[in-house]
Amino acid sequence: MARANRSRGRAARAREEHPELDVDRLTSGWRRTEVRAGREWNVQPVSEVQAVKAYLCPGCGLDVAPGVAHLVAWRADGVLGDAADLAARRHWHIHCWRIGER
């Protein structure tokens, strides 16, 4: 007869102690800094799940519809301070942000 108080393996304990990580959630909000036309910009991706409102893309003038992955960009080197830069942030289609670099 097998022992009932047998020690369970380390892998079994680890699965119970740590919840599974949501990789999409972890990678969707990575903010980065980019330089465009000599200015520094904070750029943060917004996933399809996080996109719940419609915005007007300043690159093409069309709507960024809810449920569409896009980018939020705001100045990182503005003279009026971080609060003013964050208030002036804009939501861009990913494609429009990329072609705007030319």
Protein backbone atom coordinates (compact mmCIF):
# COMPACT_ATOMS: atom_id res chain seq x y z
CA MET A 1 0.00 0.00 0.00
CA ALA A 2 1.32 3.48 -0.96
CA ARG A 3 2.00 6.08 1.66
CA ALA A 4 -0.67 8.76 1.88
CA ASN A 5 1.63 11.44 3.25
CA ARG A 6 4.06 11.31 0.35
CA SER A 7 5.80 14.59 -0.43
CA ARG A 8 4.59 16.13 -3.66
CA GLY A 9 7.20 17.32 -6.12
CA ARG A 10 8.46 20.87 -6.35
CA ALA A 11 6.74 21.42 -9.72
CA ALA A 12 3.33 20.52 -8.30
CA ARG A 13 3.77 22.96 -5.41
CA ALA A 14 4.93 25.73 -7.75
CA ARG A 15 1.83 25.42 -9.91
CA GLU A 16 -0.41 25.80 -6.87
CA GLU A 17 1.48 28.75 -5.38
CA HIS A 18 1.76 30.97 -8.48
CA PRO A 19 -1.13 31.94 -10.77
CA GLU A 20 -0.53 31.64 -14.49
CA LEU A 21 0.85 34.83 -16.04
CA ASP A 22 -1.10 36.63 -18.75
CA VAL A 23 1.64 37.36 -21.30
CA ASP A 24 -0.61 39.55 -23.48
CA ARG A 25 -1.40 41.78 -20.51
CA LEU A 26 2.25 42.01 -19.52
CA THR A 27 3.54 42.93 -22.97
CA SER A 28 0.69 45.19 -24.09
CA GLY A 29 1.53 48.12 -21.84
CA TRP A 30 5.26 48.51 -22.40
CA ARG A 31 6.04 52.18 -22.69
CA ARG A 32 9.08 53.22 -24.66
CA THR A 33 10.75 56.46 -25.66
CA GLU A 34 11.25 57.36 -29.34
CA VAL A 35 12.88 60.32 -31.04
CA ARG A 36 11.03 61.83 -34.01
CA ALA A 37 12.01 65.04 -35.78
CA GLY A 38 14.46 65.84 -32.97
CA ARG A 39 11.83 65.52 -30.23
CA GLU A 40 11.45 62.82 -27.61
CA TRP A 41 8.11 60.99 -27.38
CA ASN A 42 6.68 58.49 -24.91
CA VAL A 43 4.91 55.76 -26.84
CA GLN A 44 2.68 53.17 -25.18
CA PRO A 45 0.88 50.38 -27.03
CA VAL A 46 -2.80 49.75 -26.30
CA SER A 47 -4.06 46.20 -26.95
CA GLU A 48 -7.39 45.29 -28.53
CA VAL A 49 -8.78 44.37 -25.11
CA GLN A 50 -7.71 47.67 -23.55
CA ALA A 51 -9.09 49.81 -26.40
CA VAL A 52 -12.62 50.59 -25.20
CA LYS A 53 -13.19 54.11 -26.59
CA ALA A 54 -13.03 55.71 -30.03
CA TYR A 55 -10.33 58.31 -30.71
CA LEU A 56 -9.37 60.47 -33.68
CA CYS A 57 -5.98 59.56 -35.15
CA PRO A 58 -3.92 62.72 -35.80
CA GLY A 59 -2.01 60.94 -38.56
CA CYS A 60 -4.88 60.15 -40.92
CA GLY A 61 -7.84 61.96 -39.36
CA LEU A 62 -9.90 58.76 -39.13
CA ASP A 63 -11.35 57.09 -36.05
CA VAL A 64 -9.38 54.61 -33.99
CA ALA A 65 -12.34 52.36 -33.24
CA PRO A 66 -12.89 50.49 -29.96
CA GLY A 67 -11.29 47.06 -30.07
CA VAL A 68 -8.48 48.18 -32.40
CA ALA A 69 -4.90 47.96 -31.14
CA HIS A 70 -3.16 51.32 -31.36
CA LEU A 71 -0.52 53.57 -29.76
CA VAL A 72 -0.72 56.47 -27.36
CA ALA A 73 2.02 59.07 -27.81
CA TRP A 74 2.93 62.17 -25.84
CA ARG A 75 5.96 64.46 -25.62
CA ALA A 76 8.69 63.40 -23.23
CA ASP A 77 10.63 66.64 -23.44
CA GLY A 78 7.95 69.32 -23.34
CA VAL A 79 8.73 72.64 -21.66
CA LEU A 80 5.40 72.84 -19.79
CA GLY A 81 6.07 69.73 -17.69
CA ASP A 82 4.96 66.14 -17.50
CA ALA A 83 1.34 66.87 -16.57
CA ALA A 84 0.82 69.10 -19.61
CA ASP A 85 2.53 66.59 -21.91
CA LEU A 86 0.37 63.76 -20.61
CA ALA A 87 -2.79 65.83 -21.03
CA ALA A 88 -1.81 66.46 -24.68
CA ARG A 89 -1.38 62.76 -25.51
CA ARG A 90 -2.89 61.42 -28.74
CA HIS A 91 -4.05 58.00 -29.89
CA TRP A 92 -2.54 56.88 -33.21
CA HIS A 93 -3.10 53.94 -35.53
CA ILE A 94 0.08 51.86 -35.39
CA HIS A 95 0.54 52.25 -39.15
CA CYS A 96 0.06 56.03 -39.05
CA TRP A 97 2.66 56.40 -36.30
CA ARG A 98 5.16 54.31 -38.25
CA ILE A 99 4.75 56.13 -41.56
CA GLY A 100 4.85 59.47 -39.81
CA GLU A 101 8.54 58.85 -39.13
CA ARG A 102 9.43 59.53 -42.78
